[in-house]
Amino acid sequence: YVYYGNYAAYFESGRVEALRALGLSYRVMEEQGVML
């Protein structure tokens, strides 16, 4: 089975890509002084 803890990483990928599809970037937010 997929080890249960890996779903946190899968969700992170989904979250990062959902924001990227909007034209938003975690990297840019962090460079601008904001973390999530």
PDB file of all heavy atoms in Angstrom:
ATOM      1  N   TYR A   1       0.849  -1.198   0.000  1.00  0.00           N
ATOM      2  CA  TYR A   1       0.000   0.000   0.000  1.00  0.00           C
ATOM      3  C   TYR A   1       0.883   1.247   0.000  1.00  0.00           C
ATOM      4  O   TYR A   1       1.983   1.230   0.553  1.00  0.00           O
ATOM      5  CB  TYR A   1      -0.840   0.082   1.276  1.00  0.00           C
ATOM      6  CG  TYR A   1      -1.891  -0.978   1.477  1.00  0.00           C
ATOM      7  CD1 TYR A   1      -2.039  -2.057   0.624  1.00  0.00           C
ATOM      8  CD2 TYR A   1      -2.755  -0.881   2.548  1.00  0.00           C
ATOM      9  CE1 TYR A   1      -3.023  -3.014   0.840  1.00  0.00           C
ATOM     10  CE2 TYR A   1      -3.742  -1.840   2.778  1.00  0.00           C
ATOM     11  CZ  TYR A   1      -3.865  -2.896   1.909  1.00  0.00           C
ATOM     12  OH  TYR A   1      -4.829  -3.828   2.125  1.00  0.00           O
ATOM     13  N   VAL A   2       0.343   2.341  -0.531  1.00  0.00           N
ATOM     14  CA  VAL A   2       1.014   3.623  -0.327  1.00  0.00           C
ATOM     15  C   VAL A   2       1.026   3.872   1.179  1.00  0.00           C
ATOM     16  O   VAL A   2      -0.018   3.794   1.841  1.00  0.00           O
ATOM     17  CB  VAL A   2       0.292   4.774  -1.053  1.00  0.00           C
ATOM     18  CG1 VAL A   2       0.838   6.128  -0.621  1.00  0.00           C
ATOM     19  CG2 VAL A   2       0.409   4.612  -2.563  1.00  0.00           C
ATOM     20  N   TYR A   3       2.207   4.137   1.714  1.00  0.00           N
ATOM     21  CA  TYR A   3       2.354   4.420   3.141  1.00  0.00           C
ATOM     22  C   TYR A   3       1.524   5.660   3.471  1.00  0.00           C
ATOM     23  O   TYR A   3       1.598   6.675   2.773  1.00  0.00           O
ATOM     24  CB  TYR A   3       3.828   4.635   3.470  1.00  0.00           C
ATOM     25  CG  TYR A   3       4.089   4.978   4.906  1.00  0.00           C
ATOM     26  CD1 TYR A   3       3.891   4.041   5.914  1.00  0.00           C
ATOM     27  CD2 TYR A   3       4.514   6.254   5.258  1.00  0.00           C
ATOM     28  CE1 TYR A   3       4.124   4.362   7.241  1.00  0.00           C
ATOM     29  CE2 TYR A   3       4.750   6.578   6.585  1.00  0.00           C
ATOM     30  CZ  TYR A   3       4.560   5.631   7.572  1.00  0.00           C
ATOM     31  OH  TYR A   3       4.777   5.955   8.877  1.00  0.00           O
ATOM     32  N   TYR A   4       0.744   5.596   4.525  1.00  0.00           N
ATOM     33  CA  TYR A   4      -0.237   6.638   4.837  1.00  0.00           C
ATOM     34  C   TYR A   4       0.365   8.032   4.950  1.00  0.00           C
ATOM     35  O   TYR A   4      -0.254   9.028   4.580  1.00  0.00           O
ATOM     36  CB  TYR A   4      -1.026   6.286   6.106  1.00  0.00           C
ATOM     37  CG  TYR A   4      -0.257   6.455   7.396  1.00  0.00           C
ATOM     38  CD1 TYR A   4      -0.329   7.627   8.116  1.00  0.00           C
ATOM     39  CD2 TYR A   4       0.568   5.442   7.875  1.00  0.00           C
ATOM     40  CE1 TYR A   4       0.382   7.788   9.292  1.00  0.00           C
ATOM     41  CE2 TYR A   4       1.276   5.594   9.045  1.00  0.00           C
ATOM     42  CZ  TYR A   4       1.181   6.777   9.755  1.00  0.00           C
ATOM     43  OH  TYR A   4       1.890   6.943  10.905  1.00  0.00           O
ATOM     44  N   GLY A   5       1.577   8.137   5.447  1.00  0.00           N
ATOM     45  CA  GLY A   5       2.212   9.441   5.611  1.00  0.00           C
ATOM     46  C   GLY A   5       2.533  10.137   4.302  1.00  0.00           C
ATOM     47  O   GLY A   5       2.712  11.355   4.265  1.00  0.00           O
ATOM     48  N   ASN A   6       2.600   9.386   3.219  1.00  0.00           N
ATOM     49  CA  ASN A   6       2.921   9.994   1.920  1.00  0.00           C
ATOM     50  C   ASN A   6       1.798  10.870   1.386  1.00  0.00           C
ATOM     51  O   ASN A   6       2.022  11.725   0.532  1.00  0.00           O
ATOM     52  CB  ASN A   6       3.291   8.921   0.894  1.00  0.00           C
ATOM     53  CG  ASN A   6       4.661   8.354   1.159  1.00  0.00           C
ATOM     54  OD1 ASN A   6       5.594   9.080   1.466  1.00  0.00           O
ATOM     55  ND2 ASN A   6       4.785   7.048   1.059  1.00  0.00           N
ATOM     56  N   TYR A   7       0.592  10.679   1.900  1.00  0.00           N
ATOM     57  CA  TYR A   7      -0.510  11.502   1.398  1.00  0.00           C
ATOM     58  C   TYR A   7      -0.332  12.974   1.779  1.00  0.00           C
ATOM     59  O   TYR A   7      -0.800  13.854   1.053  1.00  0.00           O
ATOM     60  CB  TYR A   7      -1.860  10.952   1.851  1.00  0.00           C
ATOM     61  CG  TYR A   7      -2.199   9.675   1.116  1.00  0.00           C
ATOM     62  CD1 TYR A   7      -2.021   8.442   1.724  1.00  0.00           C
ATOM     63  CD2 TYR A   7      -2.648   9.709  -0.204  1.00  0.00           C
ATOM     64  CE1 TYR A   7      -2.308   7.262   1.035  1.00  0.00           C
ATOM     65  CE2 TYR A   7      -2.926   8.543  -0.891  1.00  0.00           C
ATOM     66  CZ  TYR A   7      -2.749   7.321  -0.267  1.00  0.00           C
ATOM     67  OH  TYR A   7      -3.019   6.167  -0.956  1.00  0.00           O
ATOM     68  N   ALA A   8       0.365  13.255   2.867  1.00  0.00           N
ATOM     69  CA  ALA A   8       0.648  14.659   3.204  1.00  0.00           C
ATOM     70  C   ALA A   8       1.481  15.296   2.088  1.00  0.00           C
ATOM     71  O   ALA A   8       1.220  16.437   1.679  1.00  0.00           O
ATOM     72  CB  ALA A   8       1.365  14.756   4.547  1.00  0.00           C
ATOM     73  N   ALA A   9       2.454  14.571   1.581  1.00  0.00           N
ATOM     74  CA  ALA A   9       3.280  15.084   0.477  1.00  0.00           C
ATOM     75  C   ALA A   9       2.460  15.189  -0.814  1.00  0.00           C
ATOM     76  O   ALA A   9       2.622  16.141  -1.587  1.00  0.00           O
ATOM     77  CB  ALA A   9       4.499  14.201   0.266  1.00  0.00           C
ATOM     78  N   TYR A  10       1.569  14.230  -1.054  1.00  0.00           N
ATOM     79  CA  TYR A  10       0.709  14.304  -2.235  1.00  0.00           C
ATOM     80  C   TYR A  10      -0.193  15.532  -2.158  1.00  0.00           C
ATOM     81  O   TYR A  10      -0.388  16.245  -3.145  1.00  0.00           O
ATOM     82  CB  TYR A  10      -0.156  13.053  -2.369  1.00  0.00           C
ATOM     83  CG  TYR A  10       0.583  11.766  -2.659  1.00  0.00           C
ATOM     84  CD1 TYR A  10      -0.089  10.562  -2.617  1.00  0.00           C
ATOM     85  CD2 TYR A  10       1.943  11.731  -2.968  1.00  0.00           C
ATOM     86  CE1 TYR A  10       0.554   9.360  -2.886  1.00  0.00           C
ATOM     87  CE2 TYR A  10       2.596  10.540  -3.233  1.00  0.00           C
ATOM     88  CZ  TYR A  10       1.893   9.353  -3.187  1.00  0.00           C
ATOM     89  OH  TYR A  10       2.525   8.167  -3.451  1.00  0.00           O
ATOM     90  N   PHE A  11      -0.747  15.775  -0.973  1.00  0.00           N
ATOM     91  CA  PHE A  11      -1.596  16.956  -0.808  1.00  0.00           C
ATOM     92  C   PHE A  11      -0.791  18.234  -1.000  1.00  0.00           C
ATOM     93  O   PHE A  11      -1.283  19.207  -1.573  1.00  0.00           O
ATOM     94  CB  PHE A  11      -2.277  16.954   0.558  1.00  0.00           C
ATOM     95  CG  PHE A  11      -3.345  15.901   0.736  1.00  0.00           C
ATOM     96  CD1 PHE A  11      -3.979  15.762   1.954  1.00  0.00           C
ATOM     97  CD2 PHE A  11      -3.734  15.053  -0.293  1.00  0.00           C
ATOM     98  CE1 PHE A  11      -4.978  14.807   2.150  1.00  0.00           C
ATOM     99  CE2 PHE A  11      -4.723  14.088  -0.114  1.00  0.00           C
ATOM    100  CZ  PHE A  11      -5.348  13.966   1.115  1.00  0.00           C
ATOM    101  N   GLU A  12       0.439  18.245  -0.510  1.00  0.00           N
ATOM    102  CA  GLU A  12       1.287  19.426  -0.717  1.00  0.00           C
ATOM    103  C   GLU A  12       1.493  19.676  -2.204  1.00  0.00           C
ATOM    104  O   GLU A  12       1.400  20.817  -2.673  1.00  0.00           O
ATOM    105  CB  GLU A  12       2.629  19.257  -0.025  1.00  0.00           C
ATOM    106  CG  GLU A  12       3.541  20.449  -0.259  1.00  0.00           C
ATOM    107  CD  GLU A  12       4.929  20.271   0.332  1.00  0.00           C
ATOM    108  OE1 GLU A  12       5.226  19.208   0.898  1.00  0.00           O
ATOM    109  OE2 GLU A  12       5.717  21.212   0.196  1.00  0.00           O
ATOM    110  N   SER A  13       1.764  18.626  -2.966  1.00  0.00           N
ATOM    111  CA  SER A  13       1.916  18.785  -4.418  1.00  0.00           C
ATOM    112  C   SER A  13       0.648  19.352  -5.032  1.00  0.00           C
ATOM    113  O   SER A  13       0.706  20.257  -5.873  1.00  0.00           O
ATOM    114  CB  SER A  13       2.252  17.446  -5.076  1.00  0.00           C
ATOM    115  OG  SER A  13       3.528  17.009  -4.698  1.00  0.00           O
ATOM    116  N   GLY A  14      -0.492  18.833  -4.609  1.00  0.00           N
ATOM    117  CA  GLY A  14      -1.761  19.345  -5.121  1.00  0.00           C
ATOM    118  C   GLY A  14      -1.967  20.805  -4.790  1.00  0.00           C
ATOM    119  O   GLY A  14      -2.405  21.597  -5.632  1.00  0.00           O
ATOM    120  N   ARG A  15      -1.623  21.181  -3.562  1.00  0.00           N
ATOM    121  CA  ARG A  15      -1.780  22.571  -3.104  1.00  0.00           C
ATOM    122  C   ARG A  15      -0.858  23.518  -3.875  1.00  0.00           C
ATOM    123  O   ARG A  15      -1.284  24.567  -4.367  1.00  0.00           O
ATOM    124  CB  ARG A  15      -1.484  22.615  -1.612  1.00  0.00           C
ATOM    125  CG  ARG A  15      -1.671  23.921  -0.956  1.00  0.00           C
ATOM    126  CD  ARG A  15      -1.571  23.791   0.569  1.00  0.00           C
ATOM    127  NE  ARG A  15      -0.270  23.346   1.060  1.00  0.00           N
ATOM    128  CZ  ARG A  15       0.000  22.163   1.600  1.00  0.00           C
ATOM    129  NH1 ARG A  15      -0.940  21.253   1.739  1.00  0.00           N
ATOM    130  NH2 ARG A  15       1.202  21.857   2.025  1.00  0.00           N
ATOM    131  N   VAL A  16       0.406  23.144  -4.004  1.00  0.00           N
ATOM    132  CA  VAL A  16       1.380  23.986  -4.711  1.00  0.00           C
ATOM    133  C   VAL A  16       0.972  24.153  -6.172  1.00  0.00           C
ATOM    134  O   VAL A  16       1.011  25.258  -6.715  1.00  0.00           O
ATOM    135  CB  VAL A  16       2.800  23.396  -4.583  1.00  0.00           C
ATOM    136  CG1 VAL A  16       3.763  24.081  -5.538  1.00  0.00           C
ATOM    137  CG2 VAL A  16       3.301  23.513  -3.150  1.00  0.00           C
ATOM    138  N   GLU A  17       0.547  23.055  -6.797  1.00  0.00           N
ATOM    139  CA  GLU A  17       0.156  23.133  -8.204  1.00  0.00           C
ATOM    140  C   GLU A  17      -1.160  23.881  -8.394  1.00  0.00           C
ATOM    141  O   GLU A  17      -1.343  24.567  -9.402  1.00  0.00           O
ATOM    142  CB  GLU A  17       0.091  21.738  -8.827  1.00  0.00           C
ATOM    143  CG  GLU A  17       1.446  21.053  -8.909  1.00  0.00           C
ATOM    144  CD  GLU A  17       2.511  21.873  -9.631  1.00  0.00           C
ATOM    145  OE1 GLU A  17       2.194  22.514 -10.656  1.00  0.00           O
ATOM    146  OE2 GLU A  17       3.665  21.872  -9.167  1.00  0.00           O
ATOM    147  N   ALA A  18      -2.075  23.787  -7.437  1.00  0.00           N
ATOM    148  CA  ALA A  18      -3.328  24.548  -7.516  1.00  0.00           C
ATOM    149  C   ALA A  18      -3.034  26.044  -7.485  1.00  0.00           C
ATOM    150  O   ALA A  18      -3.621  26.822  -8.240  1.00  0.00           O
ATOM    151  CB  ALA A  18      -4.268  24.158  -6.378  1.00  0.00           C
ATOM    152  N   LEU A  19      -2.128  26.451  -6.614  1.00  0.00           N
ATOM    153  CA  LEU A  19      -1.751  27.866  -6.548  1.00  0.00           C
ATOM    154  C   LEU A  19      -0.999  28.284  -7.814  1.00  0.00           C
ATOM    155  O   LEU A  19      -1.227  29.367  -8.349  1.00  0.00           O
ATOM    156  CB  LEU A  19      -0.921  28.147  -5.297  1.00  0.00           C
ATOM    157  CG  LEU A  19      -1.686  28.022  -3.975  1.00  0.00           C
ATOM    158  CD1 LEU A  19      -0.754  28.201  -2.783  1.00  0.00           C
ATOM    159  CD2 LEU A  19      -2.841  29.004  -3.905  1.00  0.00           C
ATOM    160  N   ARG A  20      -0.117  27.414  -8.298  1.00  0.00           N
ATOM    161  CA  ARG A  20       0.633  27.725  -9.524  1.00  0.00           C
ATOM    162  C   ARG A  20      -0.321  27.941 -10.699  1.00  0.00           C
ATOM    163  O   ARG A  20      -0.115  28.827 -11.526  1.00  0.00           O
ATOM    164  CB  ARG A  20       1.619  26.608  -9.826  1.00  0.00           C
ATOM    165  CG  ARG A  20       2.573  26.922 -10.971  1.00  0.00           C
ATOM    166  CD  ARG A  20       3.474  25.751 -11.368  1.00  0.00           C
ATOM    167  NE  ARG A  20       4.012  24.986 -10.273  1.00  0.00           N
ATOM    168  CZ  ARG A  20       5.103  25.317  -9.565  1.00  0.00           C
ATOM    169  NH1 ARG A  20       5.742  26.434  -9.828  1.00  0.00           N
ATOM    170  NH2 ARG A  20       5.534  24.523  -8.599  1.00  0.00           N
ATOM    171  N   ALA A  21      -1.381  27.111 -10.782  1.00  0.00           N
ATOM    172  CA  ALA A  21      -2.361  27.242 -11.866  1.00  0.00           C
ATOM    173  C   ALA A  21      -3.067  28.597 -11.825  1.00  0.00           C
ATOM    174  O   ALA A  21      -3.537  29.088 -12.851  1.00  0.00           O
ATOM    175  CB  ALA A  21      -3.381  26.105 -11.793  1.00  0.00           C
ATOM    176  N   LEU A  22      -3.111  29.210 -10.650  1.00  0.00           N
ATOM    177  CA  LEU A  22      -3.700  30.549 -10.497  1.00  0.00           C
ATOM    178  C   LEU A  22      -2.703  31.655 -10.831  1.00  0.00           C
ATOM    179  O   LEU A  22      -3.054  32.824 -10.864  1.00  0.00           O
ATOM    180  CB  LEU A  22      -4.160  30.759  -9.053  1.00  0.00           C
ATOM    181  CG  LEU A  22      -5.434  30.084  -8.622  1.00  0.00           C
ATOM    182  CD1 LEU A  22      -5.601  30.184  -7.116  1.00  0.00           C
ATOM    183  CD2 LEU A  22      -6.631  30.691  -9.340  1.00  0.00           C
ATOM    184  N   GLY A  23      -1.435  31.272 -11.025  1.00  0.00           N
ATOM    185  CA  GLY A  23      -0.399  32.272 -11.244  1.00  0.00           C
ATOM    186  C   GLY A  23       0.261  32.709  -9.952  1.00  0.00           C
ATOM    187  O   GLY A  23       0.913  33.754  -9.898  1.00  0.00           O
ATOM    188  N   LEU A  24       0.095  31.910  -8.895  1.00  0.00           N
ATOM    189  CA  LEU A  24       0.714  32.202  -7.601  1.00  0.00           C
ATOM    190  C   LEU A  24       1.842  31.209  -7.360  1.00  0.00           C
ATOM    191  O   LEU A  24       1.766  30.069  -7.799  1.00  0.00           O
ATOM    192  CB  LEU A  24      -0.317  32.105  -6.475  1.00  0.00           C
ATOM    193  CG  LEU A  24      -1.486  33.081  -6.569  1.00  0.00           C
ATOM    194  CD1 LEU A  24      -2.591  32.687  -5.593  1.00  0.00           C
ATOM    195  CD2 LEU A  24      -1.012  34.489  -6.280  1.00  0.00           C
ATOM    196  N   SER A  25       2.858  31.625  -6.633  1.00  0.00           N
ATOM    197  CA  SER A  25       4.005  30.773  -6.394  1.00  0.00           C
ATOM    198  C   SER A  25       4.418  30.818  -4.928  1.00  0.00           C
ATOM    199  O   SER A  25       4.596  31.895  -4.364  1.00  0.00           O
ATOM    200  CB  SER A  25       5.177  31.247  -7.267  1.00  0.00           C
ATOM    201  OG  SER A  25       6.393  30.724  -6.822  1.00  0.00           O
ATOM    202  N   TYR A  26       4.574  29.631  -4.328  1.00  0.00           N
ATOM    203  CA  TYR A  26       5.085  29.569  -2.951  1.00  0.00           C
ATOM    204  C   TYR A  26       6.445  30.264  -2.880  1.00  0.00           C
ATOM    205  O   TYR A  26       6.721  31.007  -1.957  1.00  0.00           O
ATOM    206  CB  TYR A  26       5.270  28.096  -2.541  1.00  0.00           C
ATOM    207  CG  TYR A  26       4.161  27.517  -1.694  1.00  0.00           C
ATOM    208  CD1 TYR A  26       2.831  27.673  -2.031  1.00  0.00           C
ATOM    209  CD2 TYR A  26       4.464  26.789  -0.570  1.00  0.00           C
ATOM    210  CE1 TYR A  26       1.837  27.113  -1.259  1.00  0.00           C
ATOM    211  CE2 TYR A  26       3.474  26.216   0.212  1.00  0.00           C
ATOM    212  CZ  TYR A  26       2.166  26.385  -0.139  1.00  0.00           C
ATOM    213  OH  TYR A  26       1.191  25.837   0.638  1.00  0.00           O
ATOM    214  N   ARG A  27       7.290  29.986  -3.862  1.00  0.00           N
ATOM    215  CA  ARG A  27       8.635  30.556  -3.860  1.00  0.00           C
ATOM    216  C   ARG A  27       8.587  32.080  -3.858  1.00  0.00           C
ATOM    217  O   ARG A  27       9.269  32.727  -3.067  1.00  0.00           O
ATOM    218  CB  ARG A  27       9.439  30.070  -5.051  1.00  0.00           C
ATOM    219  CG  ARG A  27      10.839  30.662  -5.104  1.00  0.00           C
ATOM    220  CD  ARG A  27      11.603  30.152  -6.285  1.00  0.00           C
ATOM    221  NE  ARG A  27      11.755  28.717  -6.164  1.00  0.00           N
ATOM    222  CZ  ARG A  27      12.915  28.108  -6.074  1.00  0.00           C
ATOM    223  NH1 ARG A  27      14.018  28.792  -6.118  1.00  0.00           N
ATOM    224  NH2 ARG A  27      12.975  26.805  -5.962  1.00  0.00           N
ATOM    225  N   VAL A  28       7.760  32.642  -4.717  1.00  0.00           N
ATOM    226  CA  VAL A  28       7.653  34.104  -4.793  1.00  0.00           C
ATOM    227  C   VAL A  28       7.087  34.661  -3.493  1.00  0.00           C
ATOM    228  O   VAL A  28       7.570  35.680  -2.983  1.00  0.00           O
ATOM    229  CB  VAL A  28       6.815  34.540  -6.016  1.00  0.00           C
ATOM    230  CG1 VAL A  28       6.501  36.026  -5.969  1.00  0.00           C
ATOM    231  CG2 VAL A  28       7.537  34.181  -7.308  1.00  0.00           C
ATOM    232  N   MET A  29       6.065  33.992  -2.933  1.00  0.00           N
ATOM    233  CA  MET A  29       5.512  34.466  -1.650  1.00  0.00           C
ATOM    234  C   MET A  29       6.601  34.503  -0.586  1.00  0.00           C
ATOM    235  O   MET A  29       6.708  35.466   0.168  1.00  0.00           O
ATOM    236  CB  MET A  29       4.353  33.576  -1.179  1.00  0.00           C
ATOM    237  CG  MET A  29       3.024  34.002  -1.726  1.00  0.00           C
ATOM    238  SD  MET A  29       1.614  33.292  -0.827  1.00  0.00           S
ATOM    239  CE  MET A  29       1.808  31.560  -1.083  1.00  0.00           C
ATOM    240  N   GLU A  30       7.407  33.441  -0.527  1.00  0.00           N
ATOM    241  CA  GLU A  30       8.471  33.396   0.476  1.00  0.00           C
ATOM    242  C   GLU A  30       9.522  34.477   0.212  1.00  0.00           C
ATOM    243  O   GLU A  30      10.015  35.107   1.146  1.00  0.00           O
ATOM    244  CB  GLU A  30       9.105  32.005   0.524  1.00  0.00           C
ATOM    245  CG  GLU A  30       8.182  30.998   1.166  1.00  0.00           C
ATOM    246  CD  GLU A  30       8.777  29.598   1.256  1.00  0.00           C
ATOM    247  OE1 GLU A  30       9.886  29.361   0.729  1.00  0.00           O
ATOM    248  OE2 GLU A  30       8.125  28.746   1.877  1.00  0.00           O
ATOM    249  N   GLU A  31       9.841  34.704  -1.050  1.00  0.00           N
ATOM    250  CA  GLU A  31      10.786  35.772  -1.396  1.00  0.00           C
ATOM    251  C   GLU A  31      10.238  37.144  -1.011  1.00  0.00           C
ATOM    252  O   GLU A  31      10.998  38.058  -0.723  1.00  0.00           O
ATOM    253  CB  GLU A  31      11.123  35.725  -2.887  1.00  0.00           C
ATOM    254  CG  GLU A  31      11.991  34.532  -3.257  1.00  0.00           C
ATOM    255  CD  GLU A  31      12.122  34.325  -4.759  1.00  0.00           C
ATOM    256  OE1 GLU A  31      11.456  35.053  -5.540  1.00  0.00           O
ATOM    257  OE2 GLU A  31      12.895  33.424  -5.153  1.00  0.00           O
ATOM    258  N   GLN A  32       8.896  37.257  -0.998  1.00  0.00           N
ATOM    259  CA  GLN A  32       8.259  38.514  -0.616  1.00  0.00           C
ATOM    260  C   GLN A  32       7.998  38.589   0.883  1.00  0.00           C
ATOM    261  O   GLN A  32       7.370  39.521   1.361  1.00  0.00           O
ATOM    262  CB  GLN A  32       6.954  38.692  -1.398  1.00  0.00           C
ATOM    263  CG  GLN A  32       7.185  38.882  -2.881  1.00  0.00           C
ATOM    264  CD  GLN A  32       5.907  38.883  -3.692  1.00  0.00           C
ATOM    265  OE1 GLN A  32       4.832  38.490  -3.229  1.00  0.00           O
ATOM    266  NE2 GLN A  32       6.010  39.332  -4.930  1.00  0.00           N
ATOM    267  N   GLY A  33       8.474  37.577   1.622  1.00  0.00           N
ATOM    268  CA  GLY A  33       8.405  37.636   3.077  1.00  0.00           C
ATOM    269  C   GLY A  33       7.221  36.958   3.732  1.00  0.00           C
ATOM    270  O   GLY A  33       6.930  37.234   4.896  1.00  0.00           O
ATOM    271  N   VAL A  34       6.538  36.063   3.012  1.00  0.00           N
ATOM    272  CA  VAL A  34       5.367  35.388   3.570  1.00  0.00           C
ATOM    273  C   VAL A  34       5.501  33.872   3.414  1.00  0.00           C
ATOM    274  O   VAL A  34       5.829  33.384   2.338  1.00  0.00           O
ATOM    275  CB  VAL A  34       4.062  35.859   2.879  1.00  0.00           C
ATOM    276  CG1 VAL A  34       2.847  35.112   3.414  1.00  0.00           C
ATOM    277  CG2 VAL A  34       3.879  37.358   3.046  1.00  0.00           C
ATOM    278  N   MET A  35       5.264  33.141   4.513  1.00  0.00           N
ATOM    279  CA  MET A  35       5.251  31.671   4.492  1.00  0.00           C
ATOM    280  C   MET A  35       3.842  31.180   4.793  1.00  0.00           C
ATOM    281  O   MET A  35       3.004  31.943   5.258  1.00  0.00           O
ATOM    282  CB  MET A  35       6.211  31.110   5.537  1.00  0.00           C
ATOM    283  CG  MET A  35       7.656  31.407   5.270  1.00  0.00           C
ATOM    284  SD  MET A  35       8.770  30.603   6.450  1.00  0.00           S
ATOM    285  CE  MET A  35       8.274  31.353   7.996  1.00  0.00           C
ATOM    286  N   LEU A  36       3.626  29.893   4.555  1.00  0.00           N
ATOM    287  CA  LEU A  36       2.290  29.323   4.716  1.00  0.00           C
ATOM    288  C   LEU A  36       2.374  27.970   5.433  1.00  0.00           C
ATOM    289  O   LEU A  36       2.082  26.928   4.869  1.00  0.00           O
ATOM    290  CB  LEU A  36       1.657  29.158   3.330  1.00  0.00           C
ATOM    291  CG  LEU A  36       0.160  28.971   3.220  1.00  0.00           C
ATOM    292  CD1 LEU A  36      -0.605  30.068   3.936  1.00  0.00           C
ATOM    293  CD2 LEU A  36      -0.251  28.926   1.771  1.00  0.00           C
TER     294      LEU A  36
END
